C-alpha atoms as a PDB file:
ATOM      1  CA  MET A   1      14.266  13.803  32.717  1.00  0.00           C
ATOM      2  CA  ILE A   2      16.367  15.716  29.522  1.00  0.00           C
ATOM      3  CA  LYS A   3      15.477  16.835  26.373  1.00  0.00           C
ATOM      4  CA  THR A   4      17.053  15.105  23.571  1.00  0.00           C
ATOM      5  CA  PRO A   5      20.186  16.525  22.829  1.00  0.00           C
ATOM      6  CA  GLU A   6      20.797  18.852  20.086  1.00  0.00           C
ATOM      7  CA  HIS A   7      24.281  17.591  19.792  1.00  0.00           C
ATOM      8  CA  TRP A   8      23.089  14.078  18.946  1.00  0.00           C
ATOM      9  CA  ASN A   9      22.249  15.078  15.454  1.00  0.00           C
ATOM     10  CA  HIS A  10      25.988  16.456  14.590  1.00  0.00           C
ATOM     11  CA  ARG A  11      29.517  15.604  14.804  1.00  0.00           C
ATOM     12  CA  GLY A  12      30.218  19.219  16.249  1.00  0.00           C
ATOM     13  CA  PRO A  13      32.241  20.391  19.453  1.00  0.00           C
ATOM     14  CA  ALA A  14      29.530  19.378  22.046  1.00  0.00           C
ATOM     15  CA  ALA A  15      29.957  15.732  20.715  1.00  0.00           C
ATOM     16  CA  LEU A  16      33.539  15.703  20.196  1.00  0.00           C
ATOM     17  CA  ALA A  17      33.736  16.626  23.681  1.00  0.00           C
ATOM     18  CA  LEU A  18      31.733  14.041  25.040  1.00  0.00           C
ATOM     19  CA  LEU A  19      33.357  11.467  22.232  1.00  0.00           C
ATOM     20  CA  PRO A  20      36.024  10.107  24.833  1.00  0.00           C
ATOM     21  CA  LEU A  21      33.523   9.215  27.133  1.00  0.00           C
ATOM     22  CA  THR A  22      31.664   6.623  24.987  1.00  0.00           C
ATOM     23  CA  PRO A  23      33.909   3.797  25.918  1.00  0.00           C
ATOM     24  CA  VAL A  24      32.925   4.036  29.117  1.00  0.00           C
ATOM     25  CA  TRP A  25      29.086   3.394  28.215  1.00  0.00           C
ATOM     26  CA  TRP A  26      30.088   0.902  25.939  1.00  0.00           C
ATOM     27  CA  LEU A  27      32.184  -1.318  28.483  1.00  0.00           C
ATOM     28  CA  ALA A  28      29.084  -0.564  31.571  1.00  0.00           C
ATOM     29  CA  GLY A  29      26.660  -2.351  28.641  1.00  0.00           C
ATOM     30  CA  GLN A  30      29.272  -5.249  28.094  1.00  0.00           C
ATOM     31  CA  LEU A  31      29.718  -5.848  31.558  1.00  0.00           C
ATOM     32  CA  ARG A  32      26.139  -5.914  32.654  1.00  0.00           C
ATOM     33  CA  ARG A  33      25.327  -8.284  29.554  1.00  0.00           C
ATOM     34  CA  HIS A  34      28.214 -10.602  30.574  1.00  0.00           C
ATOM     35  CA  LEU A  35      27.301 -10.954  34.342  1.00  0.00           C
ATOM     36  CA  ALA A  36      23.472 -11.206  33.411  1.00  0.00           C
ATOM     37  CA  THR A  37      21.705 -14.613  33.077  1.00  0.00           C
ATOM     38  CA  ALA A  38      18.722 -14.265  30.535  1.00  0.00           C
ATOM     39  CA  TYR A  39      15.464 -15.943  31.629  1.00  0.00           C
ATOM     40  CA  ARG A  40      13.793 -17.792  28.325  1.00  0.00           C
ATOM     41  CA  ALA A  41       9.843 -17.880  28.777  1.00  0.00           C
ATOM     42  CA  PRO A  42       8.052 -20.697  27.426  1.00  0.00           C
ATOM     43  CA  VAL A  43       5.937 -18.358  25.140  1.00  0.00           C
ATOM     44  CA  PRO A  44       7.351 -15.992  22.550  1.00  0.00           C
ATOM     45  CA  VAL A  45       8.798 -12.706  23.288  1.00  0.00           C
ATOM     46  CA  VAL A  46       8.784 -10.424  20.370  1.00  0.00           C
ATOM     47  CA  CYS A  47      10.448  -7.210  21.720  1.00  0.00           C
ATOM     48  CA  ILE A  48      10.443  -3.671  19.935  1.00  0.00           C
ATOM     49  CA  GLY A  49      13.126  -1.014  21.045  1.00  0.00           C
ATOM     50  CA  ASN A  50      15.676   1.041  19.245  1.00  0.00           C
ATOM     51  CA  LEU A  51      19.509   0.924  19.067  1.00  0.00           C
ATOM     52  CA  THR A  52      18.728   4.718  20.219  1.00  0.00           C
ATOM     53  CA  ALA A  53      17.694   7.053  23.015  1.00  0.00           C
ATOM     54  CA  GLY A  54      14.578   9.747  22.505  1.00  0.00           C
ATOM     55  CA  GLY A  55      11.406   8.895  20.974  1.00  0.00           C
ATOM     56  CA  ALA A  56      11.174   6.914  17.919  1.00  0.00           C
ATOM     57  CA  GLY A  57       7.253   5.672  17.721  1.00  0.00           C
ATOM     58  CA  LYS A  58       7.760   2.324  19.658  1.00  0.00           C
ATOM     59  CA  THR A  59       4.772   2.577  21.532  1.00  0.00           C
ATOM     60  CA  PRO A  60       2.229   3.358  18.659  1.00  0.00           C
ATOM     61  CA  LEU A  61       4.145   0.075  17.101  1.00  0.00           C
ATOM     62  CA  VAL A  62       3.571  -1.850  20.435  1.00  0.00           C
ATOM     63  CA  ALA A  63      -0.441  -0.645  19.964  1.00  0.00           C
ATOM     64  CA  TRP A  64      -0.535  -1.763  16.313  1.00  0.00           C
ATOM     65  CA  LEU A  65       0.927  -5.212  16.631  1.00  0.00           C
ATOM     66  CA  PHE A  66      -1.403  -6.146  19.969  1.00  0.00           C
ATOM     67  CA  ASP A  67      -4.440  -5.193  17.901  1.00  0.00           C
ATOM     68  CA  GLN A  68      -3.179  -6.665  14.320  1.00  0.00           C
ATOM     69  CA  LEU A  69      -2.585 -10.148  15.979  1.00  0.00           C
ATOM     70  CA  THR A  70      -5.418  -9.961  17.834  1.00  0.00           C
ATOM     71  CA  VAL A  71      -7.393  -9.654  14.730  1.00  0.00           C
ATOM     72  CA  ARG A  72      -5.085 -12.889  13.668  1.00  0.00           C
ATOM     73  CA  GLY A  73      -6.085 -14.824  16.239  1.00  0.00           C
ATOM     74  CA  TRP A  74      -3.290 -14.637  18.938  1.00  0.00           C
ATOM     75  CA  HIS A  75      -3.707 -13.740  22.543  1.00  0.00           C
ATOM     76  CA  PRO A  76      -0.251 -11.118  23.339  1.00  0.00           C
ATOM     77  CA  ALA A  77       0.137  -9.189  26.399  1.00  0.00           C
ATOM     78  CA  ILE A  78       2.520  -5.985  26.641  1.00  0.00           C
ATOM     79  CA  LEU A  79       5.426  -6.443  28.979  1.00  0.00           C
ATOM     80  CA  SER A  80       6.550  -2.448  29.946  1.00  0.00           C
ATOM     81  CA  ARG A  81       8.851  -1.195  32.313  1.00  0.00           C
ATOM     82  CA  GLY A  82       6.431   1.400  33.476  1.00  0.00           C
ATOM     83  CA  HIS A  83       8.972   3.928  33.275  1.00  0.00           C
ATOM     84  CA  GLY A  84       7.856   6.873  34.584  1.00  0.00           C
ATOM     85  CA  GLY A  85       5.837   5.440  37.423  1.00  0.00           C
ATOM     86  CA  SER A  86       6.323   4.832  41.071  1.00  0.00           C
ATOM     87  CA  ALA A  87       5.206   0.532  40.719  1.00  0.00           C
ATOM     88  CA  SER A  88       8.438  -1.466  40.366  1.00  0.00           C
ATOM     89  CA  GLY A  89       5.250  -4.210  39.840  1.00  0.00           C
ATOM     90  CA  PRO A  90       4.573  -6.718  38.530  1.00  0.00           C
ATOM     91  CA  LEU A  91       0.989  -4.905  38.173  1.00  0.00           C
ATOM     92  CA  TRP A  92      -1.643  -5.275  35.461  1.00  0.00           C
ATOM     93  CA  VAL A  93      -2.274  -1.808  34.451  1.00  0.00           C
ATOM     94  CA  ASP A  94      -5.620  -0.935  35.086  1.00  0.00           C
ATOM     95  CA  PRO A  95      -7.476   2.414  33.410  1.00  0.00           C
ATOM     96  CA  ALA A  96     -10.063   3.064  35.692  1.00  0.00           C
ATOM     97  CA  GLY A  97      -7.932   2.444  39.173  1.00  0.00           C
ATOM     98  CA  HIS A  98      -3.768   3.527  38.109  1.00  0.00           C
ATOM     99  CA  ASP A  99      -2.689   6.827  36.976  1.00  0.00           C
ATOM    100  CA  ALA A 100       0.658   7.607  35.069  1.00  0.00           C
ATOM    101  CA  ALA A 101       1.979   8.515  38.726  1.00  0.00           C
ATOM    102  CA  ILE A 102       1.857   4.557  39.228  1.00  0.00           C
ATOM    103  CA  CYS A 103       2.090   2.825  36.256  1.00  0.00           C
ATOM    104  CA  GLY A 104       3.777   5.348  33.506  1.00  0.00           C
ATOM    105  CA  ASP A 105       2.180   7.357  30.985  1.00  0.00           C
ATOM    106  CA  GLU A 106       3.091   5.161  28.207  1.00  0.00           C
ATOM    107  CA  PRO A 107       1.075   1.366  29.980  1.00  0.00           C
ATOM    108  CA  LEU A 108      -1.868   3.342  30.874  1.00  0.00           C
ATOM    109  CA  MET A 109      -2.113   4.621  27.199  1.00  0.00           C
ATOM    110  CA  LEU A 110      -1.457   1.053  25.822  1.00  0.00           C
ATOM    111  CA  ALA A 111      -3.622  -0.078  28.267  1.00  0.00           C
ATOM    112  CA  ASP A 112      -6.719   1.223  26.817  1.00  0.00           C
ATOM    113  CA  GLY A 113      -8.610  -2.154  25.596  1.00  0.00           C
ATOM    114  CA  ARG A 114      -4.895  -4.116  26.527  1.00  0.00           C
ATOM    115  CA  ASP A 115      -3.383  -6.575  28.500  1.00  0.00           C
ATOM    116  CA  VAL A 116      -0.809  -4.564  29.818  1.00  0.00           C
ATOM    117  CA  LEU A 117       1.571  -5.696  32.938  1.00  0.00           C
ATOM    118  CA  ILE A 118       4.558  -3.421  34.102  1.00  0.00           C
ATOM    119  CA  SER A 119       7.395  -5.414  35.889  1.00  0.00           C
ATOM    120  CA  LYS A 120      11.142  -2.834  36.609  1.00  0.00           C
ATOM    121  CA  ASP A 121      12.048  -6.814  36.216  1.00  0.00           C
ATOM    122  CA  ARG A 122      11.326  -7.837  32.580  1.00  0.00           C
ATOM    123  CA  ALA A 123      12.157 -11.932  33.422  1.00  0.00           C
ATOM    124  CA  ARG A 124      10.031 -11.276  36.493  1.00  0.00           C
ATOM    125  CA  GLY A 125       6.919  -9.638  34.453  1.00  0.00           C
ATOM    126  CA  ALA A 126       7.264 -12.488  31.946  1.00  0.00           C
ATOM    127  CA  ARG A 127       7.221 -15.032  34.307  1.00  0.00           C
ATOM    128  CA  VAL A 128       3.845 -13.711  35.577  1.00  0.00           C
ATOM    129  CA  ILE A 129       2.505 -12.870  32.431  1.00  0.00           C
ATOM    130  CA  ALA A 130       3.110 -16.928  31.124  1.00  0.00           C
ATOM    131  CA  GLU A 131       1.771 -18.319  34.373  1.00  0.00           C
ATOM    132  CA  ARG A 132      -1.780 -16.364  33.676  1.00  0.00           C
ATOM    133  CA  GLY A 133      -2.172 -18.999  31.136  1.00  0.00           C
ATOM    134  CA  VAL A 134      -4.447 -16.916  28.447  1.00  0.00           C
ATOM    135  CA  HIS A 135      -1.158 -15.611  26.547  1.00  0.00           C
ATOM    136  CA  ASN A 136       0.735 -16.367  23.634  1.00  0.00           C
ATOM    137  CA  VAL A 137       3.154 -13.920  22.801  1.00  0.00           C
ATOM    138  CA  ILE A 138       4.648 -11.171  24.916  1.00  0.00           C
ATOM    139  CA  LEU A 139       4.968  -7.701  23.085  1.00  0.00           C
ATOM    140  CA  MET A 140       8.091  -6.284  25.552  1.00  0.00           C
ATOM    141  CA  ASP A 141       8.195  -2.278  25.151  1.00  0.00           C
ATOM    142  CA  ASP A 142      11.462  -0.934  24.811  1.00  0.00           C
ATOM    143  CA  GLY A 143      13.976  -3.470  26.352  1.00  0.00           C
ATOM    144  CA  MET A 144      16.188  -4.112  23.188  1.00  0.00           C
ATOM    145  CA  GLN A 145      19.387  -3.940  25.410  1.00  0.00           C
ATOM    146  CA  ASN A 146      18.115  -5.527  28.872  1.00  0.00           C
ATOM    147  CA  PRO A 147      19.933  -8.952  29.063  1.00  0.00           C
ATOM    148  CA  TYR A 148      17.420 -10.519  31.604  1.00  0.00           C
ATOM    149  CA  LEU A 149      14.960 -11.648  28.876  1.00  0.00           C
ATOM    150  CA  VAL A 150      15.847 -13.282  25.873  1.00  0.00           C
ATOM    151  CA  HIS A 151      14.075 -11.852  23.038  1.00  0.00           C
ATOM    152  CA  ASP A 152      13.104 -14.415  20.328  1.00  0.00           C
ATOM    153  CA  LEU A 153      12.027 -11.496  17.533  1.00  0.00           C
ATOM    154  CA  THR A 154      13.063  -8.138  17.629  1.00  0.00           C
ATOM    155  CA  ILE A 155      11.806  -4.780  15.835  1.00  0.00           C
ATOM    156  CA  GLY A 156      13.729  -1.727  15.664  1.00  0.00           C
ATOM    157  CA  VAL A 157      11.867   0.852  15.756  1.00  0.00           C
ATOM    158  CA  PHE A 158      13.945   4.267  13.503  1.00  0.00           C
ATOM    159  CA  ASP A 159      13.100   7.761  13.243  1.00  0.00           C
ATOM    160  CA  GLY A 160      13.145   8.664  10.180  1.00  0.00           C
ATOM    161  CA  ALA A 161      14.047  12.470  10.156  1.00  0.00           C
ATOM    162  CA  THR A 162      16.904  11.621  12.702  1.00  0.00           C
ATOM    163  CA  GLY A 163      18.040   7.853  12.122  1.00  0.00           C
ATOM    164  CA  ILE A 164      21.022   7.354  13.976  1.00  0.00           C
ATOM    165  CA  GLY A 165      21.825  11.027  14.162  1.00  0.00           C
ATOM    166  CA  ASN A 166      25.504  11.409  14.105  1.00  0.00           C
ATOM    167  CA  GLY A 167      26.473   7.871  14.368  1.00  0.00           C
ATOM    168  CA  TRP A 168      28.157   7.948  17.874  1.00  0.00           C
ATOM    169  CA  LEU A 169      27.391   6.236  21.342  1.00  0.00           C
ATOM    170  CA  ILE A 170      25.813   7.882  24.162  1.00  0.00           C
ATOM    171  CA  PRO A 171      26.848  10.520  25.549  1.00  0.00           C
ATOM    172  CA  ALA A 172      28.242  11.692  22.240  1.00  0.00           C
ATOM    173  CA  GLY A 173      25.714  10.766  20.148  1.00  0.00           C
ATOM    174  CA  PRO A 174      22.367   8.942  20.568  1.00  0.00           C
ATOM    175  CA  LEU A 175      23.296   5.360  20.119  1.00  0.00           C
ATOM    176  CA  ARG A 176      22.608   2.787  22.925  1.00  0.00           C
ATOM    177  CA  THR A 177      25.128   0.204  21.214  1.00  0.00           C
ATOM    178  CA  PRO A 178      26.912   0.476  17.935  1.00  0.00           C
ATOM    179  CA  LEU A 179      25.275   0.357  15.052  1.00  0.00           C
ATOM    180  CA  GLY A 180      26.541  -2.996  13.515  1.00  0.00           C
ATOM    181  CA  GLU A 181      26.439  -4.718  16.787  1.00  0.00           C
ATOM    182  CA  GLY A 182      22.634  -3.472  17.668  1.00  0.00           C
ATOM    183  CA  MET A 183      21.962  -4.580  13.376  1.00  0.00           C
ATOM    184  CA  ALA A 184      23.113  -7.905  14.264  1.00  0.00           C
ATOM    185  CA  LYS A 185      20.158  -8.194  16.706  1.00  0.00           C
ATOM    186  CA  LEU A 186      17.433  -7.107  14.392  1.00  0.00           C
ATOM    187  CA  ASP A 187      14.678  -9.101  12.597  1.00  0.00           C
ATOM    188  CA  PHE A 188      12.799  -6.757  11.471  1.00  0.00           C
ATOM    189  CA  ALA A 189      12.685  -2.783  11.073  1.00  0.00           C
ATOM    190  CA  VAL A 190      10.329  -0.339  10.914  1.00  0.00           C
ATOM    191  CA  ILE A 191      11.039   3.275   9.612  1.00  0.00           C
ATOM    192  CA  ASN A 192       8.838   5.760  11.635  1.00  0.00           C
ATOM    193  CA  GLY A 193       8.489   8.685   8.804  1.00  0.00           C
ATOM    194  CA  ASP A 194      10.202  10.006   5.454  1.00  0.00           C
ATOM    195  CA  ASP A 195      13.153   8.047   5.623  1.00  0.00           C
ATOM    196  CA  LYS A 196      15.287  11.531   5.432  1.00  0.00           C
ATOM    197  CA  THR A 197      18.672   9.936   6.663  1.00  0.00           C
ATOM    198  CA  ARG A 198      18.491   7.141   4.212  1.00  0.00           C
ATOM    199  CA  ILE A 199      19.311   4.233   7.071  1.00  0.00           C
ATOM    200  CA  SER A 200      17.005   1.752   5.381  1.00  0.00           C
ATOM    201  CA  SER A 201      19.719   1.649   2.746  1.00  0.00           C
ATOM    202  CA  ARG A 202      22.338   0.121   5.770  1.00  0.00           C
ATOM    203  CA  LEU A 203      19.062  -2.077   7.523  1.00  0.00           C
ATOM    204  CA  GLY A 204      17.839  -3.176   4.112  1.00  0.00           C
ATOM    205  CA  GLN A 205      20.930  -5.013   3.643  1.00  0.00           C
ATOM    206  CA  THR A 206      19.947  -7.872   6.468  1.00  0.00           C
ATOM    207  CA  MET A 207      16.612  -7.556   7.364  1.00  0.00           C
ATOM    208  CA  PRO A 208      13.290  -7.114   5.911  1.00  0.00           C
ATOM    209  CA  VAL A 209      12.264  -2.963   6.364  1.00  0.00           C
ATOM    210  CA  PHE A 210       9.476  -1.499   6.695  1.00  0.00           C
ATOM    211  CA  THR A 211       8.009   2.085   6.860  1.00  0.00           C
ATOM    212  CA  ALA A 212       5.175   3.257   9.402  1.00  0.00           C
ATOM    213  CA  THR A 213       3.188   6.841   9.597  1.00  0.00           C
ATOM    214  CA  LEU A 214       1.563   8.202  12.469  1.00  0.00           C
ATOM    215  CA  GLN A 215      -2.087   9.217  11.671  1.00  0.00           C
ATOM    216  CA  PRO A 216      -3.200  12.126  13.745  1.00  0.00           C
ATOM    217  CA  ASP A 217      -7.490  12.139  14.221  1.00  0.00           C
ATOM    218  CA  ARG A 218      -8.269  14.892  11.774  1.00  0.00           C
ATOM    219  CA  THR A 219     -11.611  15.244  13.475  1.00  0.00           C
ATOM    220  CA  VAL A 220      -9.941  16.333  16.614  1.00  0.00           C
ATOM    221  CA  ILE A 221      -8.538  19.124  14.700  1.00  0.00           C
ATOM    222  CA  ASP A 222     -11.649  20.219  12.432  1.00  0.00           C
ATOM    223  CA  GLU A 223     -13.785  20.727  15.702  1.00  0.00           C
ATOM    224  CA  PHE A 224     -11.225  23.645  16.903  1.00  0.00           C
ATOM    225  CA  GLY A 225     -12.001  25.075  13.161  1.00  0.00           C
ATOM    226  CA  ASP A 226      -9.509  28.338  12.817  1.00  0.00           C
ATOM    227  CA  THR A 227      -9.358  28.721  16.651  1.00  0.00           C
ATOM    228  CA  PRO A 228      -5.329  29.111  16.996  1.00  0.00           C
ATOM    229  CA  LEU A 229      -3.554  26.464  19.490  1.00  0.00           C
ATOM    230  CA  LEU A 230      -0.855  26.557  22.019  1.00  0.00           C
ATOM    231  CA  ALA A 231       0.458  22.747  21.403  1.00  0.00           C
ATOM    232  CA  PHE A 232       2.497  21.294  24.152  1.00  0.00           C
ATOM    233  CA  ALA A 233       4.232  17.829  24.308  1.00  0.00           C
ATOM    234  CA  GLY A 234       7.285  15.714  26.492  1.00  0.00           C
ATOM    235  CA  ILE A 235       7.718  13.383  24.344  1.00  0.00           C
ATOM    236  CA  GLY A 236      11.284  12.182  22.758  1.00  0.00           C
ATOM    237  CA  ARG A 237      10.607  14.009  19.402  1.00  0.00           C
ATOM    238  CA  PRO A 238       7.945  17.066  20.248  1.00  0.00           C
ATOM    239  CA  ALA A 239       8.901  18.714  16.751  1.00  0.00           C
ATOM    240  CA  ARG A 240       6.874  14.987  15.247  1.00  0.00           C
ATOM    241  CA  PHE A 241       3.496  15.977  16.974  1.00  0.00           C
ATOM    242  CA  PHE A 242       4.284  19.777  16.151  1.00  0.00           C
ATOM    243  CA  LYS A 243       4.200  19.020  12.422  1.00  0.00           C
ATOM    244  CA  SER A 244       1.401  15.734  12.758  1.00  0.00           C
ATOM    245  CA  LEU A 245      -0.431  18.539  14.582  1.00  0.00           C
ATOM    246  CA  GLU A 246      -0.031  21.161  11.130  1.00  0.00           C
ATOM    247  CA  ALA A 247      -0.822  18.117   8.888  1.00  0.00           C
ATOM    248  CA  ALA A 248      -3.860  17.636  10.190  1.00  0.00           C
ATOM    249  CA  GLY A 249      -4.919  21.240   9.586  1.00  0.00           C
ATOM    250  CA  GLY A 250      -4.261  22.888  13.203  1.00  0.00           C
ATOM    251  CA  ARG A 251      -2.813  26.592  13.176  1.00  0.00           C
ATOM    252  CA  ILE A 252      -0.422  26.448  15.671  1.00  0.00           C
ATOM    253  CA  ALA A 253       0.106  30.090  17.814  1.00  0.00           C
ATOM    254  CA  ARG A 254       3.002  28.917  20.245  1.00  0.00           C
ATOM    255  CA  ARG A 255       4.703  25.887  20.418  1.00  0.00           C
ATOM    256  CA  LEU A 256       6.110  24.241  24.094  1.00  0.00           C
ATOM    257  CA  SER A 257       8.410  21.456  24.403  1.00  0.00           C
ATOM    258  CA  PHE A 258       9.544  19.869  27.566  1.00  0.00           C
ATOM    259  CA  ALA A 259      11.857  16.034  28.463  1.00  0.00           C
ATOM    260  CA  ASP A 260      10.355  13.175  27.475  1.00  0.00           C
ATOM    261  CA  HIS A 261       8.086  11.621  30.631  1.00  0.00           C
ATOM    262  CA  HIS A 262       7.667  15.428  31.700  1.00  0.00           C
ATOM    263  CA  PRO A 263       5.825  15.381  35.292  1.00  0.00           C
ATOM    264  CA  TYR A 264       3.552  18.511  34.434  1.00  0.00           C
ATOM    265  CA  SER A 265       3.685  20.818  38.185  1.00  0.00           C
ATOM    266  CA  GLN A 266       0.480  23.060  38.789  1.00  0.00           C
ATOM    267  CA  HIS A 267       2.880  25.954  38.026  1.00  0.00           C
ATOM    268  CA  ASP A 268       3.829  24.888  35.138  1.00  0.00           C
ATOM    269  CA  LEU A 269       0.267  24.026  33.830  1.00  0.00           C
ATOM    270  CA  ALA A 270      -1.066  27.818  34.702  1.00  0.00           C
ATOM    271  CA  GLN A 271       2.074  28.926  33.065  1.00  0.00           C
ATOM    272  CA  ILE A 272       0.991  26.902  29.781  1.00  0.00           C
ATOM    273  CA  GLN A 273      -3.046  28.344  30.680  1.00  0.00           C
ATOM    274  CA  GLU A 274      -1.674  32.005  30.710  1.00  0.00           C
ATOM    275  CA  ASP A 275       0.064  31.685  27.404  1.00  0.00           C
ATOM    276  CA  ALA A 276      -2.496  30.296  25.853  1.00  0.00           C
ATOM    277  CA  GLN A 277      -4.811  33.036  27.092  1.00  0.00           C
ATOM    278  CA  HIS A 278      -2.170  35.713  26.011  1.00  0.00           C
ATOM    279  CA  HIS A 279      -2.255  34.021  22.190  1.00  0.00           C
ATOM    280  CA  GLY A 280      -6.168  33.495  22.210  1.00  0.00           C
ATOM    281  CA  ALA A 281      -5.332  29.996  21.534  1.00  0.00           C
ATOM    282  CA  ALA A 282      -6.951  26.597  22.383  1.00  0.00           C
ATOM    283  CA  MET A 283      -4.605  24.155  24.952  1.00  0.00           C
ATOM    284  CA  ILE A 284      -3.798  21.206  22.792  1.00  0.00           C
ATOM    285  CA  THR A 285      -1.121  18.053  23.652  1.00  0.00           C
ATOM    286  CA  THR A 286      -0.454  14.514  22.689  1.00  0.00           C
ATOM    287  CA  LYS A 287      -2.316  11.566  24.266  1.00  0.00           C
ATOM    288  CA  LYS A 288       0.773  10.253  26.096  1.00  0.00           C
ATOM    289  CA  ASP A 289       0.922  13.915  27.937  1.00  0.00           C
ATOM    290  CA  TRP A 290      -2.515  13.920  28.913  1.00  0.00           C
ATOM    291  CA  MET A 291      -2.633  11.083  30.608  1.00  0.00           C
ATOM    292  CA  ARG A 292      -0.139  12.661  33.114  1.00  0.00           C
ATOM    293  CA  LEU A 293      -2.281  15.793  33.586  1.00  0.00           C
ATOM    294  CA  PRO A 294      -4.227  15.945  36.884  1.00  0.00           C
ATOM    295  CA  PRO A 295      -7.684  15.051  36.317  1.00  0.00           C
ATOM    296  CA  ASP A 296      -9.066  18.800  36.511  1.00  0.00           C
ATOM    297  CA  TRP A 297      -7.025  19.726  33.991  1.00  0.00           C
ATOM    298  CA  ARG A 298      -8.032  17.131  31.108  1.00  0.00           C
ATOM    299  CA  ALA A 299     -11.239  18.852  30.918  1.00  0.00           C
ATOM    300  CA  ARG A 300      -9.316  21.899  30.012  1.00  0.00           C
ATOM    301  CA  VAL A 301      -6.576  20.464  27.252  1.00  0.00           C
ATOM    302  CA  ALA A 302      -7.497  18.929  24.260  1.00  0.00           C
ATOM    303  CA  MET A 303      -5.922  15.676  23.163  1.00  0.00           C
ATOM    304  CA  LEU A 304      -4.383  14.594  19.404  1.00  0.00           C
ATOM    305  CA  PRO A 305      -5.073  11.048  19.106  1.00  0.00           C
ATOM    306  CA  VAL A 306      -2.719   8.850  16.713  1.00  0.00           C
ATOM    307  CA  SER A 307      -2.408   5.550  14.885  1.00  0.00           C
ATOM    308  CA  MET A 308      -0.309   4.024  13.061  1.00  0.00           C
ATOM    309  CA  GLU A 309      -0.047   2.459   9.712  1.00  0.00           C
ATOM    310  CA  ILE A 310       2.381   0.525   7.859  1.00  0.00           C
ATOM    311  CA  ALA A 311       3.434   0.022   4.385  1.00  0.00           C
ATOM    312  CA  GLY A 312       3.363  -3.718   3.746  1.00  0.00           C
ATOM    313  CA  GLU A 313       1.451  -4.260   6.859  1.00  0.00           C
ATOM    314  CA  GLU A 314       0.119  -7.782   5.717  1.00  0.00           C
ATOM    315  CA  ALA A 315       3.962  -9.368   4.459  1.00  0.00           C
ATOM    316  CA  LEU A 316       5.046  -8.007   8.110  1.00  0.00           C
ATOM    317  CA  LEU A 317       2.460  -9.890   9.693  1.00  0.00           C
ATOM    318  CA  SER A 318       2.764 -12.654   7.522  1.00  0.00           C
ATOM    319  CA  GLN A 319       6.941 -12.679   7.991  1.00  0.00           C
ATOM    320  CA  LEU A 320       6.313 -12.298  12.020  1.00  0.00           C
ATOM    321  CA  GLU A 321       3.336 -14.596  12.707  1.00  0.00           C
ATOM    322  CA  ALA A 322       5.917 -17.132  10.176  1.00  0.00           C
ATOM    323  CA  ARG A 323       8.299 -16.432  12.576  1.00  0.00           C
ATOM    324  CA  LEU A 324       6.583 -16.786  15.708  1.00  0.00           C
ATOM    325  CA  CYS A 325       4.763 -20.222  14.438  1.00  0.00           C
ATOM    326  CA  GLY A 326       8.206 -21.600  13.600  1.00  0.00           C
ATOM    327  CA  GLY A 327      10.200 -21.882  16.344  1.00  0.00           C
ATOM    328  CA  THR A 328      11.863 -19.551  18.750  1.00  0.00           C
ATOM    329  CA  ALA A 329      15.890 -18.266  18.138  1.00  0.00           C
ATOM    330  CA  ASP A 330      18.076 -16.898  20.183  1.00  0.00           C
ATOM    331  CA  GLY A 331      18.122 -13.360  21.019  1.00  0.00           C
END
């Protein structure tokens, strides 16, 4: 895994140098879609994805939607690719018997009280969920660009701090698809955090837009009191974790950033612990990172759980249910 490139946020020399390669990415995507035969599941599929590479907050939104729909009488199942795990699936995730090396960190985190199936082949995974006979909606974590499974509804998640970055396609920028083409596929948009790039003004012309915030569990921070913290994270945007930690009252003495889904080796952890001891700090990380730690390290490292809150959540859920109950649309 690599860290999110800094040049994705600016139209500088590095991005310009890579700009001639963007048509290759676009053509590869077009060819993949042209050759694919899409499967339509017998239950509706709601895709929660993003137009850009890098973290935007999809997984917390998937967890929130599962919980909210369950309260409202639905029987959802989460479908994940299982990124970072060795299992190709289909495999129902069992937190008691599986670890992140098998099923990936995000599915393991989501499976805390939720039904989660991992499958590299999304269409096959959707079949397995439908054949189980107990679920009436599938929440697909990521996969907006996957052409093999029809999405009946698509929710795009955007990071409020970065928006669409420099607005260019991979590898010159973070966009997985041209903005106009991507927006045409979205039914709803959720902006995670303050909309500093004003992306909502562009999205709001064609779809409902909602604002979300990630709320850290302050009780975890309160237990540390004035103890300094060594915070480390291997997620799409580690800066978001550090900001949440400080907003919750944490006093960070040292920040360490790793690539998304970084597999922590014993050497990595020994270095982190040595660094923490040097600063007289306690070690803390995200729940997603904590899932990737070896069992003997989990007792030494604290994690900061976060939950998603959405402004106008009733409107989002009501509109979503109305769409689910009113029939499906080609995705």
